[in-house]
N, C-alpha and C. Protein backbone atom coordinates (compact mmCIF):
# COMPACT_ATOMS: atom_id res chain seq x y z
N MET A 1 23.62 101.87 36.85
CA MET A 1 25.15 101.39 37.35
C MET A 1 25.90 102.89 38.12
N ASN A 2 26.83 102.70 38.96
CA ASN A 2 27.03 104.02 39.99
C ASN A 2 28.23 103.59 39.70
N SER A 3 28.88 105.03 39.10
CA SER A 3 30.26 104.84 39.46
C SER A 3 30.93 105.76 40.04
N ARG A 4 30.05 106.78 41.28
CA ARG A 4 30.68 107.47 41.82
C ARG A 4 31.62 106.73 42.99
N ALA A 5 32.47 107.91 43.20
CA ALA A 5 33.45 107.11 44.06
C ALA A 5 33.86 107.44 45.92
N ILE A 6 32.40 108.68 45.32
CA ILE A 6 32.42 109.65 46.65
C ILE A 6 31.09 110.18 46.90
N PRO A 7 30.35 110.05 47.43
CA PRO A 7 28.74 109.99 47.26
C PRO A 7 28.31 111.43 47.75
N GLY A 8 28.27 112.14 46.70
CA GLY A 8 27.58 113.78 46.79
C GLY A 8 25.59 113.78 47.40
N GLY A 9 26.16 115.46 48.31
CA GLY A 9 24.54 115.74 48.47
C GLY A 9 24.49 114.11 50.36
N GLY A 10 23.30 115.30 50.34
CA GLY A 10 22.74 114.17 51.54
C GLY A 10 23.42 114.31 53.01
N ASN A 11 23.54 114.03 53.92
CA ASN A 11 23.72 114.59 55.08
C ASN A 11 24.87 112.60 54.77
N GLN A 12 26.85 113.64 54.81
CA GLN A 12 27.14 112.08 54.69
C GLN A 12 27.84 112.17 56.40
N ASP A 13 27.01 112.43 57.59
CA ASP A 13 27.97 112.50 58.89
C ASP A 13 27.16 111.25 58.85
N ASN A 14 26.04 109.88 58.30
CA ASN A 14 25.39 109.29 58.81
C ASN A 14 26.66 108.30 59.06
N ILE A 15 26.40 107.27 60.46
CA ILE A 15 27.36 106.34 60.75
C ILE A 15 26.54 105.24 60.12
N GLY A 16 25.73 104.99 60.05
CA GLY A 16 24.88 103.73 59.42
C GLY A 16 25.70 103.59 58.02
N ARG A 17 26.06 104.27 57.21
CA ARG A 17 26.68 104.35 55.78
C ARG A 17 28.23 103.32 56.29
N GLY A 18 28.10 103.83 57.34
CA GLY A 18 29.86 102.84 57.07
C GLY A 18 31.42 103.76 57.22
N ASN A 19 31.08 105.45 56.89
CA ASN A 19 32.44 105.99 56.31
C ASN A 19 33.38 105.71 57.63
N LEU A 20 34.09 105.15 57.45
CA LEU A 20 35.79 105.91 58.60
C LEU A 20 36.56 107.20 58.52
N VAL A 21 36.04 108.13 56.99
CA VAL A 21 35.63 109.64 57.03
C VAL A 21 34.94 109.90 55.92
N ARG A 22 35.04 111.83 55.89
CA ARG A 22 34.52 112.11 54.87
C ARG A 22 34.78 113.23 54.90
N TRP A 23 34.40 113.73 53.83
CA TRP A 23 35.91 115.54 53.14
C TRP A 23 34.61 117.07 53.76
N CYS A 24 35.31 117.68 53.99
CA CYS A 24 34.45 118.70 55.17
C CYS A 24 33.61 118.86 53.16
N VAL A 25 32.84 119.98 53.71
CA VAL A 25 32.10 120.98 52.55
C VAL A 25 32.38 121.15 51.48
N ASP A 26 33.98 122.24 51.75
CA ASP A 26 34.91 123.22 51.34
C ASP A 26 35.76 122.11 50.54
N TRP A 27 35.96 120.53 50.51
CA TRP A 27 36.72 119.69 50.18
C TRP A 27 38.42 120.10 50.82
N THR A 28 37.98 121.35 51.94
CA THR A 28 39.86 121.20 52.40
C THR A 28 40.08 120.47 53.67
N GLU A 29 39.37 119.86 53.64
CA GLU A 29 39.87 118.99 55.26
C GLU A 29 39.55 117.38 55.43
N ILE A 30 39.38 116.37 55.63
CA ILE A 30 39.16 115.14 56.02
C ILE A 30 38.63 115.52 57.26
N LYS A 31 36.98 114.70 57.89
CA LYS A 31 36.25 115.18 58.78
C LYS A 31 36.33 113.16 59.46
N PRO A 32 37.00 112.74 60.21
CA PRO A 32 36.48 111.53 61.15
C PRO A 32 34.87 111.20 61.49
N ILE A 33 34.29 110.26 61.02
CA ILE A 33 33.25 109.45 61.69
C ILE A 33 33.00 108.60 62.20
N ILE A 34 33.44 107.35 61.99
CA ILE A 34 33.42 106.09 62.82
C ILE A 34 35.33 106.28 63.37
N ALA A 35 35.73 106.78 62.65
CA ALA A 35 37.01 106.90 63.07
C ALA A 35 37.01 108.18 64.52
N GLU A 36 37.85 108.49 64.44
CA GLU A 36 38.36 109.50 66.94
C GLU A 36 38.91 110.33 65.97
N SER A 37 40.28 109.93 65.20
CA SER A 37 41.30 110.56 64.89
C SER A 37 41.60 109.75 63.99
N LEU A 38 42.98 110.95 63.21
CA LEU A 38 43.43 110.23 62.24
C LEU A 38 45.02 110.87 61.80
N GLU A 39 45.93 110.09 61.60
CA GLU A 39 47.36 110.52 61.34
C GLU A 39 47.98 110.20 60.25
N VAL A 40 48.17 110.93 59.50
CA VAL A 40 48.89 110.55 58.43
C VAL A 40 50.36 111.38 58.15
N PRO A 41 51.72 110.59 57.85
CA PRO A 41 52.48 111.42 57.93
C PRO A 41 53.01 111.99 56.73
N ASP A 42 53.80 112.77 56.40
CA ASP A 42 54.65 113.61 55.72
C ASP A 42 54.37 112.78 54.53
N ASP A 43 54.79 111.52 54.26
CA ASP A 43 55.46 111.21 53.09
C ASP A 43 53.70 109.93 52.29
N ALA A 44 52.82 110.81 53.54
CA ALA A 44 51.84 110.37 53.33
C ALA A 44 51.36 107.98 53.09
N THR A 45 52.54 107.72 53.21
CA THR A 45 52.27 105.98 53.01
C THR A 45 52.13 104.97 54.38
N THR A 46 51.34 106.05 55.31
CA THR A 46 50.84 105.01 56.18
C THR A 46 49.38 105.99 56.40
N LEU A 47 48.23 105.53 57.01
CA LEU A 47 47.57 106.49 57.93
C LEU A 47 47.15 105.55 58.94
N THR A 48 46.69 105.70 60.12
CA THR A 48 46.64 105.59 61.67
C THR A 48 45.75 105.79 61.50
N SER A 49 44.41 105.40 62.09
CA SER A 49 42.91 105.78 62.74
C SER A 49 42.96 105.22 63.77
N LYS A 50 42.00 106.07 64.63
CA LYS A 50 41.73 105.70 65.91
C LYS A 50 39.56 105.70 65.59
N LEU A 51 39.13 104.02 65.97
CA LEU A 51 38.41 104.43 66.46
C LEU A 51 37.38 104.79 66.97
N ARG A 52 36.05 105.73 67.06
CA ARG A 52 35.43 105.44 68.33
C ARG A 52 35.34 104.65 69.68
N GLU A 53 35.75 105.38 70.82
CA GLU A 53 35.19 104.07 71.44
C GLU A 53 33.27 103.75 71.76
N GLY A 54 33.18 102.85 71.96
CA GLY A 54 31.46 102.34 71.95
C GLY A 54 30.99 101.77 70.60
N MET A 55 31.28 102.10 69.87
CA MET A 55 30.86 102.30 68.16
C MET A 55 30.34 100.63 67.98
N ARG A 56 29.20 99.87 67.26
CA ARG A 56 28.60 98.79 67.76
C ARG A 56 28.17 98.91 66.17
N TRP A 57 27.65 97.66 65.91
CA TRP A 57 27.34 97.58 64.64
C TRP A 57 25.39 97.45 64.71
N PRO A 58 24.59 97.53 63.96
CA PRO A 58 23.54 97.97 64.07
C PRO A 58 22.56 96.63 64.50
N ASP A 59 23.12 95.44 64.34
CA ASP A 59 22.55 94.15 65.68
C ASP A 59 23.15 94.43 66.53
N GLY A 60 23.84 94.70 67.52
CA GLY A 60 24.54 94.61 68.40
C GLY A 60 25.76 94.70 68.75
N PRO A 61 26.71 93.76 67.89
CA PRO A 61 28.27 93.49 68.15
C PRO A 61 28.89 94.08 68.25
N PRO A 62 29.92 94.74 69.13
CA PRO A 62 30.74 96.08 69.06
C PRO A 62 31.59 96.19 67.34
N PHE A 63 32.34 97.26 66.81
CA PHE A 63 33.07 97.17 65.65
C PHE A 63 34.22 98.24 66.44
N THR A 64 34.73 96.75 65.36
CA THR A 64 36.37 96.95 66.24
C THR A 64 37.59 97.14 65.06
N ALA A 65 38.61 97.15 65.85
CA ALA A 65 40.00 96.92 64.58
C ALA A 65 40.19 96.23 64.30
N ASP A 66 39.10 94.99 64.37
CA ASP A 66 39.11 93.63 64.08
C ASP A 66 38.43 93.52 62.59
N ASP A 67 36.97 94.08 62.91
CA ASP A 67 36.17 94.65 61.24
C ASP A 67 36.75 95.50 60.09
N MET A 68 38.09 96.21 60.82
CA MET A 68 38.49 97.12 59.90
C MET A 68 39.72 96.22 59.09
N MET A 69 40.14 95.30 59.69
CA MET A 69 41.44 94.39 59.35
C MET A 69 40.78 93.77 58.31
N PHE A 70 39.24 93.39 59.08
CA PHE A 70 38.69 92.44 57.55
C PHE A 70 38.90 92.93 56.29
N TRP A 71 38.21 94.38 56.22
CA TRP A 71 37.73 95.18 55.15
C TRP A 71 38.54 94.70 54.70
């Protein structure tokens, strides 16, 4: 059983893993991967992300905000 919440080691920039964001190596900031940008207000009650334009699933269909809402 794998109980890790955050993958360790390896290449965390791999978009194929489906990560919206990842922590940078020194844990000082969050880096967008599938997201182009992130906005978090000071009260941290919401997260607004903009997806990169042109993202697609491995079998070809576009990856959209609807996919994030389904998830």
